[in-house]
């Protein structure tokens, strides 16, 4: 289980429903819990082989921090396009952006200089129009797609990436496991004959 979460969630732009906001909050928590089980930000590189801490293994910094801080900004294509252009050199909107404060477990340990200092992971920005368009194109319920992208963005904050095939496979498998715990089907498989509004 992760340390207590201080989630700073702001609605910057877009027509977000309470159900979507609640689902996004739950997705951040689920992603962090899944990352702990998977061994993310494990102290002293002592990752347990069975996914659970054993005595002497060390511990995930996500579980021993006094508090974890994550920022989530729910926005629109126009705002995300500016960020994508300025920080990634791509002059177009995208579904989710992650700005990680850490690059490794060593960075995380350095961040926690005192026992009461929070572990700041970074920020996630979600563009509603792009997410809605993708969900419609993929015949997925929008809320499920938002949860998936939030899980994806949160995993980036704790060191997961998909720049090479092995890393992409590891990250996608962890996403599948986290989403399955939330009752959401594999997002990488096509969804057929499903009601886009209800996800059923």
N, C-alpha and C. Protein backbone atom coordinates (compact mmCIF):
# COMPACT_ATOMS: atom_id res chain seq x y z
N UNK A 1 0.85 -1.18 0.00
CA UNK A 1 0.00 0.00 0.00
C UNK A 1 0.89 1.24 0.00
N UNK A 2 0.44 2.25 -0.69
CA UNK A 2 1.23 3.48 -0.75
C UNK A 2 0.99 4.34 0.47
N UNK A 3 1.89 5.29 0.62
CA UNK A 3 1.77 6.29 1.67
C UNK A 3 0.54 7.15 1.39
N UNK A 4 0.12 7.97 2.35
CA UNK A 4 -1.02 8.87 2.09
C UNK A 4 -0.74 9.76 0.88
N UNK A 5 -1.77 10.01 0.10
CA UNK A 5 -1.64 10.78 -1.13
C UNK A 5 -2.22 12.17 -0.95
N UNK A 6 -1.42 13.17 -1.31
CA UNK A 6 -1.90 14.56 -1.39
C UNK A 6 -2.08 14.86 -2.87
N UNK A 7 -3.30 14.73 -3.34
CA UNK A 7 -3.60 14.90 -4.76
C UNK A 7 -4.14 16.30 -4.99
N UNK A 8 -3.40 17.07 -5.77
CA UNK A 8 -3.81 18.43 -6.12
C UNK A 8 -4.45 18.37 -7.51
N UNK A 9 -5.78 18.27 -7.54
CA UNK A 9 -6.49 18.12 -8.80
C UNK A 9 -7.23 19.42 -9.12
N UNK A 10 -6.92 19.99 -10.28
CA UNK A 10 -7.55 21.24 -10.72
C UNK A 10 -8.23 21.03 -12.07
N UNK A 11 -9.41 21.61 -12.22
CA UNK A 11 -10.07 21.64 -13.52
C UNK A 11 -9.73 22.98 -14.15
N UNK A 12 -8.87 22.92 -15.16
CA UNK A 12 -8.38 24.12 -15.83
C UNK A 12 -9.32 24.55 -16.95
N UNK A 13 -9.83 23.58 -17.69
CA UNK A 13 -10.73 23.86 -18.82
C UNK A 13 -11.44 22.56 -19.19
N UNK A 14 -12.52 22.68 -19.92
CA UNK A 14 -13.24 21.48 -20.35
C UNK A 14 -14.44 21.19 -19.48
N UNK A 15 -15.32 20.37 -20.01
CA UNK A 15 -16.58 20.03 -19.35
C UNK A 15 -16.45 18.67 -18.67
N UNK A 16 -15.87 18.66 -17.48
CA UNK A 16 -15.59 17.43 -16.75
C UNK A 16 -16.74 17.11 -15.78
N UNK A 17 -17.16 15.86 -15.76
CA UNK A 17 -18.23 15.46 -14.84
C UNK A 17 -17.63 15.02 -13.51
N UNK A 18 -18.46 15.02 -12.48
CA UNK A 18 -18.00 14.55 -11.17
C UNK A 18 -17.56 13.09 -11.24
N UNK A 19 -18.29 12.27 -11.99
CA UNK A 19 -17.92 10.86 -12.12
C UNK A 19 -16.54 10.70 -12.75
N UNK A 20 -16.23 11.54 -13.75
CA UNK A 20 -14.92 11.48 -14.39
C UNK A 20 -13.82 11.91 -13.43
N UNK A 21 -14.08 12.98 -12.69
CA UNK A 21 -13.09 13.48 -11.72
C UNK A 21 -12.83 12.41 -10.65
N UNK A 22 -13.89 11.81 -10.13
CA UNK A 22 -13.74 10.76 -9.11
C UNK A 22 -12.96 9.57 -9.66
N UNK A 23 -13.27 9.17 -10.90
CA UNK A 23 -12.58 8.03 -11.52
C UNK A 23 -11.10 8.33 -11.72
N UNK A 24 -10.79 9.56 -12.08
CA UNK A 24 -9.39 9.96 -12.28
C UNK A 24 -8.64 9.95 -10.95
N UNK A 25 -9.27 10.43 -9.89
CA UNK A 25 -8.64 10.37 -8.56
C UNK A 25 -8.36 8.92 -8.17
N UNK A 26 -9.34 8.04 -8.37
CA UNK A 26 -9.16 6.62 -8.04
C UNK A 26 -8.07 5.98 -8.89
N UNK A 27 -7.95 6.42 -10.13
CA UNK A 27 -6.94 5.86 -11.04
C UNK A 27 -5.53 6.19 -10.56
N UNK A 28 -5.33 7.39 -10.03
CA UNK A 28 -4.00 7.75 -9.51
C UNK A 28 -3.64 6.84 -8.35
N UNK A 29 -4.57 6.64 -7.43
CA UNK A 29 -4.33 5.78 -6.27
C UNK A 29 -4.04 4.35 -6.73
N UNK A 30 -4.84 3.83 -7.65
CA UNK A 30 -4.67 2.46 -8.13
C UNK A 30 -3.32 2.29 -8.83
N UNK A 31 -2.92 3.29 -9.60
CA UNK A 31 -1.63 3.22 -10.31
C UNK A 31 -0.47 3.20 -9.32
N UNK A 32 -0.54 4.02 -8.28
CA UNK A 32 0.53 4.04 -7.29
C UNK A 32 0.59 2.73 -6.52
N UNK A 33 -0.58 2.18 -6.17
CA UNK A 33 -0.62 0.87 -5.49
C UNK A 33 -0.01 -0.21 -6.39
N UNK A 34 -0.37 -0.19 -7.67
CA UNK A 34 0.17 -1.17 -8.60
C UNK A 34 1.68 -1.02 -8.77
N UNK A 35 2.16 0.21 -8.77
CA UNK A 35 3.60 0.46 -8.90
C UNK A 35 4.36 -0.07 -7.69
N UNK A 36 3.79 0.07 -6.50
CA UNK A 36 4.44 -0.47 -5.29
C UNK A 36 4.56 -1.98 -5.41
N UNK A 37 3.48 -2.64 -5.79
CA UNK A 37 3.50 -4.10 -5.93
C UNK A 37 4.52 -4.53 -6.97
N UNK A 38 4.67 -3.73 -8.03
CA UNK A 38 5.59 -4.06 -9.11
C UNK A 38 7.04 -3.73 -8.76
N UNK A 39 7.25 -2.97 -7.70
CA UNK A 39 8.63 -2.68 -7.27
C UNK A 39 9.16 -1.33 -7.71
N UNK A 40 8.28 -0.39 -8.05
CA UNK A 40 8.74 0.93 -8.48
C UNK A 40 9.35 1.70 -7.32
N UNK A 41 10.40 2.44 -7.63
CA UNK A 41 11.10 3.27 -6.65
C UNK A 41 11.46 2.48 -5.39
N UNK A 42 12.02 1.29 -5.62
CA UNK A 42 12.38 0.42 -4.51
C UNK A 42 13.73 0.83 -3.95
N UNK A 43 13.80 1.02 -2.66
CA UNK A 43 15.02 1.46 -1.99
C UNK A 43 16.11 0.40 -2.12
N UNK A 44 17.32 0.82 -2.41
CA UNK A 44 18.48 -0.07 -2.49
C UNK A 44 18.35 -1.15 -3.57
N UNK A 45 17.51 -0.90 -4.59
CA UNK A 45 17.32 -1.87 -5.67
C UNK A 45 16.93 -3.25 -5.16
N UNK A 46 16.33 -3.31 -3.98
CA UNK A 46 15.96 -4.60 -3.39
C UNK A 46 14.52 -4.92 -3.75
N UNK A 47 14.29 -5.30 -4.97
CA UNK A 47 12.93 -5.59 -5.42
C UNK A 47 12.59 -7.04 -5.10
N UNK A 48 11.55 -7.27 -4.32
CA UNK A 48 11.19 -8.65 -3.99
C UNK A 48 10.72 -9.41 -5.22
N UNK A 49 11.01 -10.68 -5.29
CA UNK A 49 10.65 -11.47 -6.46
C UNK A 49 9.18 -11.80 -6.51
N UNK A 50 8.52 -11.81 -5.36
CA UNK A 50 7.11 -12.20 -5.35
C UNK A 50 6.16 -10.99 -5.32
N UNK A 51 6.71 -9.78 -5.42
CA UNK A 51 5.87 -8.59 -5.45
C UNK A 51 5.44 -8.09 -4.08
N UNK A 52 5.95 -8.73 -3.02
CA UNK A 52 5.62 -8.27 -1.67
C UNK A 52 6.92 -8.07 -0.90
N UNK A 53 6.96 -7.05 -0.05
CA UNK A 53 8.19 -6.82 0.70
C UNK A 53 8.47 -7.93 1.70
N UNK A 54 9.71 -8.34 1.79
CA UNK A 54 10.15 -9.29 2.81
C UNK A 54 11.10 -8.56 3.76
N UNK A 55 11.25 -9.09 4.93
CA UNK A 55 12.15 -8.46 5.89
C UNK A 55 13.55 -8.39 5.29
N UNK A 56 14.16 -7.22 5.35
CA UNK A 56 15.51 -7.05 4.81
C UNK A 56 15.53 -6.65 3.36
N UNK A 57 14.38 -6.63 2.69
CA UNK A 57 14.34 -6.27 1.28
C UNK A 57 14.45 -4.77 1.04
N UNK A 58 14.29 -3.96 2.07
CA UNK A 58 14.12 -2.54 1.83
C UNK A 58 12.64 -2.29 1.62
N UNK A 59 12.30 -1.14 1.07
CA UNK A 59 10.89 -0.84 0.85
C UNK A 59 10.76 0.15 -0.28
N UNK A 60 9.61 0.15 -0.92
CA UNK A 60 9.35 1.15 -1.94
C UNK A 60 9.25 2.51 -1.28
N UNK A 61 9.90 3.49 -1.87
CA UNK A 61 9.79 4.84 -1.35
C UNK A 61 8.35 5.33 -1.42
N UNK A 62 7.54 4.72 -2.27
CA UNK A 62 6.12 5.06 -2.36
C UNK A 62 5.35 4.60 -1.12
N UNK A 63 5.89 3.63 -0.40
CA UNK A 63 5.20 3.14 0.79
C UNK A 63 5.75 3.74 2.08
N UNK A 64 6.99 4.23 2.06
CA UNK A 64 7.57 4.75 3.31
C UNK A 64 7.60 6.27 3.39
N UNK A 65 7.28 6.95 2.30
CA UNK A 65 7.22 8.42 2.35
C UNK A 65 6.12 8.85 3.31
N UNK A 66 6.30 9.96 4.01
CA UNK A 66 5.23 10.42 4.89
C UNK A 66 3.98 10.82 4.12
N UNK A 67 4.17 11.33 2.91
CA UNK A 67 3.05 11.68 2.04
C UNK A 67 3.58 11.75 0.61
N UNK A 68 2.74 11.42 -0.34
CA UNK A 68 3.08 11.50 -1.76
C UNK A 68 2.28 12.64 -2.37
N UNK A 69 2.95 13.48 -3.13
CA UNK A 69 2.27 14.60 -3.78
C UNK A 69 2.23 14.39 -5.30
N UNK A 70 1.03 14.50 -5.86
CA UNK A 70 0.82 14.40 -7.30
C UNK A 70 -0.12 15.53 -7.71
N UNK A 71 0.19 16.19 -8.81
CA UNK A 71 -0.70 17.20 -9.36
C UNK A 71 -1.39 16.67 -10.60
N UNK A 72 -2.69 16.88 -10.71
CA UNK A 72 -3.45 16.50 -11.91
C UNK A 72 -4.21 17.73 -12.38
N UNK A 73 -4.02 18.05 -13.64
CA UNK A 73 -4.72 19.20 -14.24
C UNK A 73 -5.60 18.68 -15.36
N UNK A 74 -6.90 18.88 -15.21
CA UNK A 74 -7.85 18.47 -16.24
C UNK A 74 -8.07 19.67 -17.15
N UNK A 75 -7.76 19.48 -18.43
CA UNK A 75 -7.69 20.64 -19.32
C UNK A 75 -8.31 20.33 -20.67
N UNK A 76 -7.92 21.15 -21.66
CA UNK A 76 -8.46 21.00 -23.01
C UNK A 76 -7.33 20.94 -24.02
N UNK A 77 -7.70 20.71 -25.28
CA UNK A 77 -6.70 20.57 -26.33
C UNK A 77 -5.84 21.81 -26.50
N UNK A 78 -6.43 22.99 -26.38
CA UNK A 78 -5.67 24.22 -26.61
C UNK A 78 -4.52 24.36 -25.61
N UNK A 79 -4.81 24.12 -24.34
CA UNK A 79 -3.76 24.22 -23.31
C UNK A 79 -2.71 23.14 -23.47
N UNK A 80 -3.15 21.92 -23.73
CA UNK A 80 -2.21 20.81 -23.87
C UNK A 80 -1.35 20.98 -25.12
N UNK A 81 -1.92 21.57 -26.16
CA UNK A 81 -1.13 21.81 -27.38
C UNK A 81 0.05 22.73 -27.07
N UNK A 82 -0.18 23.78 -26.30
CA UNK A 82 0.90 24.71 -25.94
C UNK A 82 1.98 23.99 -25.15
N UNK A 83 1.57 23.20 -24.16
CA UNK A 83 2.55 22.46 -23.35
C UNK A 83 3.31 21.45 -24.20
N UNK A 84 2.61 20.75 -25.07
CA UNK A 84 3.23 19.75 -25.93
C UNK A 84 4.25 20.41 -26.87
N UNK A 85 3.90 21.59 -27.36
CA UNK A 85 4.82 22.32 -28.25
C UNK A 85 6.04 22.82 -27.47
N UNK A 86 5.80 23.42 -26.31
CA UNK A 86 6.88 24.05 -25.56
C UNK A 86 7.84 23.04 -24.93
N UNK A 87 7.31 21.90 -24.48
CA UNK A 87 8.15 20.95 -23.75
C UNK A 87 8.56 19.72 -24.56
N UNK A 88 7.80 19.41 -25.61
CA UNK A 88 8.13 18.21 -26.40
C UNK A 88 8.41 18.51 -27.86
N UNK A 89 8.24 19.78 -28.27
CA UNK A 89 8.51 20.15 -29.65
C UNK A 89 7.48 19.62 -30.63
N UNK A 90 6.27 19.28 -30.13
CA UNK A 90 5.22 18.75 -31.01
C UNK A 90 4.04 19.71 -30.96
N UNK A 91 3.78 20.41 -32.04
CA UNK A 91 2.76 21.45 -32.07
C UNK A 91 1.38 20.87 -32.36
N UNK A 92 0.91 20.05 -31.43
CA UNK A 92 -0.41 19.44 -31.55
C UNK A 92 -0.84 19.00 -30.16
N UNK A 93 -2.15 18.87 -29.94
CA UNK A 93 -2.59 18.34 -28.64
C UNK A 93 -2.29 16.85 -28.54
N UNK A 94 -2.26 16.35 -27.34
CA UNK A 94 -2.12 14.91 -27.10
C UNK A 94 -3.05 14.57 -25.95
N UNK A 95 -3.23 13.29 -25.67
CA UNK A 95 -4.21 12.90 -24.67
C UNK A 95 -3.77 13.20 -23.24
N UNK A 96 -2.53 12.84 -22.90
CA UNK A 96 -2.04 13.07 -21.54
C UNK A 96 -0.56 13.42 -21.58
N UNK A 97 -0.16 14.34 -20.72
CA UNK A 97 1.25 14.69 -20.55
C UNK A 97 1.62 14.42 -19.10
N UNK A 98 2.84 13.91 -18.91
CA UNK A 98 3.36 13.70 -17.56
C UNK A 98 4.66 14.46 -17.42
N UNK A 99 4.80 15.16 -16.32
CA UNK A 99 6.02 15.87 -16.00
C UNK A 99 6.53 15.33 -14.67
N UNK A 100 7.47 14.38 -14.77
CA UNK A 100 7.98 13.71 -13.58
C UNK A 100 9.02 14.58 -12.87
N UNK A 101 8.91 14.63 -11.55
CA UNK A 101 9.90 15.36 -10.75
C UNK A 101 11.14 14.50 -10.50
N UNK A 102 11.02 13.19 -10.71
CA UNK A 102 12.09 12.24 -10.40
C UNK A 102 12.45 11.44 -11.63
N UNK A 103 13.69 10.96 -11.65
CA UNK A 103 14.10 10.08 -12.74
C UNK A 103 14.51 8.71 -12.25
N UNK A 104 14.67 8.55 -10.93
CA UNK A 104 15.12 7.26 -10.40
C UNK A 104 14.78 7.17 -8.92
N UNK A 105 14.99 5.98 -8.37
CA UNK A 105 14.80 5.81 -6.93
C UNK A 105 15.81 6.64 -6.16
N UNK A 106 17.01 6.81 -6.74
CA UNK A 106 18.01 7.66 -6.07
C UNK A 106 17.52 9.09 -5.98
N UNK A 107 16.91 9.59 -7.07
CA UNK A 107 16.34 10.94 -7.03
C UNK A 107 15.27 11.04 -5.96
N UNK A 108 14.44 10.00 -5.86
CA UNK A 108 13.37 10.01 -4.86
C UNK A 108 13.94 10.02 -3.45
N UNK A 109 14.97 9.22 -3.22
CA UNK A 109 15.60 9.17 -1.89
C UNK A 109 16.22 10.52 -1.56
N UNK A 110 16.84 11.15 -2.54
CA UNK A 110 17.43 12.48 -2.33
C UNK A 110 16.36 13.51 -2.04
N UNK A 111 15.20 13.35 -2.68
CA UNK A 111 14.09 14.28 -2.47
C UNK A 111 13.60 14.24 -1.03
N UNK A 112 13.63 13.05 -0.45
CA UNK A 112 13.16 12.87 0.92
C UNK A 112 14.33 13.10 1.88
N UNK A 113 14.74 14.34 1.99
CA UNK A 113 15.92 14.66 2.79
C UNK A 113 15.66 14.58 4.28
N UNK A 114 14.42 14.79 4.68
CA UNK A 114 14.06 14.68 6.09
C UNK A 114 12.88 13.73 6.21
N UNK A 115 12.72 13.10 7.37
CA UNK A 115 11.65 12.09 7.53
C UNK A 115 10.25 12.60 7.26
N UNK A 116 10.02 13.92 7.42
CA UNK A 116 8.67 14.44 7.23
C UNK A 116 8.48 15.13 5.89
N UNK A 117 9.46 15.03 5.01
CA UNK A 117 9.36 15.70 3.71
C UNK A 117 8.52 14.86 2.73
N UNK A 118 7.57 15.48 2.05
CA UNK A 118 6.75 14.72 1.10
C UNK A 118 7.56 14.27 -0.12
N UNK A 119 7.11 13.21 -0.73
CA UNK A 119 7.70 12.71 -1.96
C UNK A 119 6.90 13.30 -3.12
N UNK A 120 7.47 14.29 -3.79
CA UNK A 120 6.79 14.96 -4.91
C UNK A 120 7.08 14.21 -6.20
N UNK A 121 6.04 13.66 -6.82
CA UNK A 121 6.22 12.85 -8.02
C UNK A 121 6.13 13.65 -9.31
N UNK A 122 5.30 14.69 -9.34
CA UNK A 122 5.17 15.48 -10.55
C UNK A 122 3.72 15.75 -10.90
N UNK A 123 3.50 16.06 -12.18
CA UNK A 123 2.18 16.51 -12.64
C UNK A 123 1.73 15.75 -13.88
N UNK A 124 0.41 15.59 -13.96
CA UNK A 124 -0.24 14.98 -15.12
C UNK A 124 -1.25 15.98 -15.65
N UNK A 125 -1.29 16.15 -16.98
CA UNK A 125 -2.26 17.04 -17.62
C UNK A 125 -3.04 16.22 -18.64
N UNK A 126 -4.37 16.28 -18.56
CA UNK A 126 -5.23 15.49 -19.44
C UNK A 126 -6.05 16.43 -20.33
N UNK A 127 -6.07 16.15 -21.63
CA UNK A 127 -6.84 16.95 -22.59
C UNK A 127 -8.15 16.25 -22.91
N UNK A 128 -9.25 16.85 -22.50
CA UNK A 128 -10.54 16.17 -22.60
C UNK A 128 -10.96 15.88 -24.04
N UNK A 129 -10.83 16.87 -24.94
CA UNK A 129 -11.32 16.65 -26.31
C UNK A 129 -10.58 15.51 -27.01
N UNK A 130 -9.26 15.47 -26.85
CA UNK A 130 -8.50 14.39 -27.47
C UNK A 130 -8.91 13.04 -26.89
N UNK A 131 -9.08 12.99 -25.58
CA UNK A 131 -9.50 11.73 -24.94
C UNK A 131 -10.88 11.30 -25.44
N UNK A 132 -11.80 12.25 -25.54
CA UNK A 132 -13.15 11.93 -26.01
C UNK A 132 -13.13 11.45 -27.45
N UNK A 133 -12.33 12.09 -28.28
CA UNK A 133 -12.23 11.69 -29.69
C UNK A 133 -11.64 10.28 -29.80
N UNK A 134 -10.57 10.01 -29.05
CA UNK A 134 -9.96 8.68 -29.08
C UNK A 134 -10.92 7.61 -28.59
N UNK A 135 -11.64 7.90 -27.52
CA UNK A 135 -12.59 6.91 -26.98
C UNK A 135 -13.65 6.58 -28.02
N UNK A 136 -14.16 7.60 -28.71
CA UNK A 136 -15.18 7.37 -29.74
C UNK A 136 -14.59 6.55 -30.89
N UNK A 137 -13.39 6.91 -31.33
CA UNK A 137 -12.74 6.19 -32.44
C UNK A 137 -12.46 4.73 -32.08
N UNK A 138 -12.14 4.48 -30.81
CA UNK A 138 -11.79 3.12 -30.37
C UNK A 138 -12.99 2.37 -29.79
N UNK A 139 -14.17 3.00 -29.85
CA UNK A 139 -15.39 2.40 -29.32
C UNK A 139 -15.23 1.98 -27.86
N UNK A 140 -14.67 2.92 -27.07
CA UNK A 140 -14.48 2.68 -25.64
C UNK A 140 -15.30 3.69 -24.85
N UNK A 141 -15.68 3.30 -23.66
CA UNK A 141 -16.34 4.25 -22.78
C UNK A 141 -15.33 5.33 -22.40
N UNK A 142 -15.72 6.59 -22.49
CA UNK A 142 -14.81 7.70 -22.20
C UNK A 142 -14.22 7.58 -20.81
N UNK A 143 -15.03 7.25 -19.82
CA UNK A 143 -14.52 7.19 -18.46
C UNK A 143 -13.44 6.12 -18.32
N UNK A 144 -13.59 4.99 -19.02
CA UNK A 144 -12.57 3.94 -18.99
C UNK A 144 -11.28 4.42 -19.65
N UNK A 145 -11.42 5.16 -20.75
CA UNK A 145 -10.24 5.68 -21.44
C UNK A 145 -9.52 6.71 -20.56
N UNK A 146 -10.27 7.56 -19.88
CA UNK A 146 -9.67 8.54 -18.97
C UNK A 146 -8.93 7.85 -17.83
N UNK A 147 -9.51 6.79 -17.29
CA UNK A 147 -8.84 6.04 -16.23
C UNK A 147 -7.55 5.43 -16.76
N UNK A 148 -7.61 4.82 -17.93
CA UNK A 148 -6.40 4.23 -18.51
C UNK A 148 -5.31 5.26 -18.70
N UNK A 149 -5.65 6.41 -19.27
CA UNK A 149 -4.63 7.44 -19.52
C UNK A 149 -4.08 8.02 -18.22
N UNK A 150 -4.92 8.09 -17.20
CA UNK A 150 -4.44 8.58 -15.90
C UNK A 150 -3.48 7.57 -15.28
N UNK A 151 -3.82 6.29 -15.36
CA UNK A 151 -2.91 5.25 -14.89
C UNK A 151 -1.59 5.34 -15.66
N UNK A 152 -1.67 5.46 -16.97
CA UNK A 152 -0.49 5.56 -17.83
C UNK A 152 0.37 6.76 -17.41
N UNK A 153 -0.26 7.91 -17.24
CA UNK A 153 0.48 9.11 -16.86
C UNK A 153 1.10 9.00 -15.48
N UNK A 154 0.38 8.38 -14.54
CA UNK A 154 0.91 8.22 -13.19
C UNK A 154 2.13 7.29 -13.19
N UNK A 155 2.07 6.22 -13.98
CA UNK A 155 3.22 5.31 -14.05
C UNK A 155 4.46 6.02 -14.60
N UNK A 156 4.26 6.96 -15.52
CA UNK A 156 5.41 7.75 -16.00
C UNK A 156 6.06 8.52 -14.84
N UNK A 157 5.24 8.98 -13.89
CA UNK A 157 5.79 9.76 -12.78
C UNK A 157 6.68 8.94 -11.86
N UNK A 158 6.53 7.61 -11.88
CA UNK A 158 7.33 6.76 -11.00
C UNK A 158 8.35 5.93 -11.78
N UNK A 159 8.65 6.37 -13.01
CA UNK A 159 9.78 5.79 -13.73
C UNK A 159 9.49 4.85 -14.86
N UNK A 160 8.23 4.53 -15.14
CA UNK A 160 7.93 3.64 -16.26
C UNK A 160 7.96 4.42 -17.56
N UNK A 161 8.35 3.72 -18.63
CA UNK A 161 8.43 4.38 -19.93
C UNK A 161 8.14 3.35 -21.02
N UNK A 162 8.03 3.83 -22.25
CA UNK A 162 7.72 2.94 -23.37
C UNK A 162 8.52 3.31 -24.61
N UNK A 163 9.74 3.78 -24.40
CA UNK A 163 10.58 4.20 -25.52
C UNK A 163 11.18 3.00 -26.26
N UNK A 164 11.39 1.90 -25.56
CA UNK A 164 11.90 0.68 -26.20
C UNK A 164 10.90 -0.44 -25.93
N UNK A 165 10.95 -1.47 -26.77
CA UNK A 165 9.94 -2.53 -26.72
C UNK A 165 9.81 -3.20 -25.36
N UNK A 166 10.94 -3.56 -24.73
CA UNK A 166 10.88 -4.26 -23.44
C UNK A 166 10.19 -3.40 -22.38
N UNK A 167 10.55 -2.11 -22.35
CA UNK A 167 9.94 -1.20 -21.38
C UNK A 167 8.45 -1.02 -21.67
N UNK A 168 8.11 -0.92 -22.96
CA UNK A 168 6.71 -0.75 -23.34
C UNK A 168 5.89 -1.97 -22.91
N UNK A 169 6.41 -3.16 -23.13
CA UNK A 169 5.70 -4.38 -22.74
C UNK A 169 5.49 -4.44 -21.23
N UNK A 170 6.53 -4.07 -20.47
CA UNK A 170 6.41 -4.09 -19.00
C UNK A 170 5.36 -3.09 -18.54
N UNK A 171 5.40 -1.89 -19.11
CA UNK A 171 4.46 -0.85 -18.70
C UNK A 171 3.03 -1.23 -19.08
N UNK A 172 2.85 -1.74 -20.30
CA UNK A 172 1.51 -2.13 -20.74
C UNK A 172 0.94 -3.26 -19.89
N UNK A 173 1.78 -4.22 -19.52
CA UNK A 173 1.30 -5.33 -18.70
C UNK A 173 0.87 -4.83 -17.32
N UNK A 174 1.64 -3.91 -16.75
CA UNK A 174 1.27 -3.35 -15.45
C UNK A 174 -0.04 -2.56 -15.57
N UNK A 175 -0.20 -1.81 -16.65
CA UNK A 175 -1.45 -1.08 -16.88
C UNK A 175 -2.62 -2.05 -16.93
N UNK A 176 -2.46 -3.15 -17.65
CA UNK A 176 -3.53 -4.17 -17.74
C UNK A 176 -3.91 -4.68 -16.36
N UNK A 177 -2.90 -4.98 -15.54
CA UNK A 177 -3.17 -5.51 -14.20
C UNK A 177 -3.92 -4.48 -13.34
N UNK A 178 -3.48 -3.24 -13.38
CA UNK A 178 -4.12 -2.19 -12.58
C UNK A 178 -5.55 -1.98 -13.04
N UNK A 179 -5.75 -1.90 -14.35
CA UNK A 179 -7.09 -1.67 -14.88
C UNK A 179 -8.01 -2.85 -14.60
N UNK A 180 -7.47 -4.06 -14.66
CA UNK A 180 -8.30 -5.24 -14.34
C UNK A 180 -8.81 -5.16 -12.91
N UNK A 181 -7.97 -4.68 -11.98
CA UNK A 181 -8.41 -4.52 -10.59
C UNK A 181 -9.52 -3.48 -10.48
N UNK A 182 -9.55 -2.55 -11.42
CA UNK A 182 -10.60 -1.52 -11.45
C UNK A 182 -11.81 -1.94 -12.28
N UNK A 183 -11.78 -3.16 -12.81
CA UNK A 183 -12.90 -3.67 -13.59
C UNK A 183 -12.93 -3.17 -15.03
N UNK A 184 -11.77 -2.77 -15.55
CA UNK A 184 -11.69 -2.25 -16.92
C UNK A 184 -10.93 -3.24 -17.78
N UNK A 185 -11.48 -3.54 -18.94
CA UNK A 185 -10.87 -4.49 -19.86
C UNK A 185 -9.54 -3.97 -20.40
N UNK A 186 -8.76 -4.90 -20.96
CA UNK A 186 -7.48 -4.60 -21.57
C UNK A 186 -7.62 -3.46 -22.59
N UNK A 187 -6.97 -2.32 -22.34
CA UNK A 187 -7.13 -1.18 -23.26
C UNK A 187 -6.40 -1.35 -24.58
N UNK A 188 -5.54 -2.35 -24.65
CA UNK A 188 -4.77 -2.57 -25.87
C UNK A 188 -5.42 -3.57 -26.82
N UNK A 189 -6.55 -4.12 -26.39
CA UNK A 189 -7.32 -5.01 -27.25
C UNK A 189 -8.53 -4.25 -27.79
N UNK A 190 -8.89 -4.47 -29.04
CA UNK A 190 -10.08 -3.80 -29.57
C UNK A 190 -11.33 -4.21 -28.81
N UNK A 191 -12.20 -3.25 -28.57
CA UNK A 191 -13.46 -3.52 -27.87
C UNK A 191 -14.56 -3.57 -28.92
N UNK A 192 -15.25 -4.69 -28.99
CA UNK A 192 -16.31 -4.84 -29.97
C UNK A 192 -17.65 -4.97 -29.27
N UNK A 193 -18.69 -4.46 -29.92
CA UNK A 193 -20.06 -4.60 -29.43
C UNK A 193 -20.23 -4.12 -27.99
N UNK A 194 -19.58 -3.01 -27.68
CA UNK A 194 -19.70 -2.45 -26.34
C UNK A 194 -20.38 -1.09 -26.42
N UNK A 195 -21.27 -0.84 -25.51
CA UNK A 195 -21.92 0.47 -25.44
C UNK A 195 -20.91 1.49 -24.97
N UNK A 196 -20.64 2.50 -25.80
CA UNK A 196 -19.60 3.48 -25.52
C UNK A 196 -19.94 4.32 -24.29
N UNK A 197 -21.20 4.53 -24.01
CA UNK A 197 -21.58 5.34 -22.86
C UNK A 197 -21.39 4.60 -21.54
N UNK A 198 -21.76 3.32 -21.50
CA UNK A 198 -21.73 2.60 -20.24
C UNK A 198 -20.51 1.71 -20.08
N UNK A 199 -19.85 1.37 -21.21
CA UNK A 199 -18.72 0.45 -21.15
C UNK A 199 -19.13 -1.00 -20.99
N UNK A 200 -20.44 -1.28 -21.09
CA UNK A 200 -20.94 -2.66 -20.89
C UNK A 200 -21.20 -3.31 -22.24
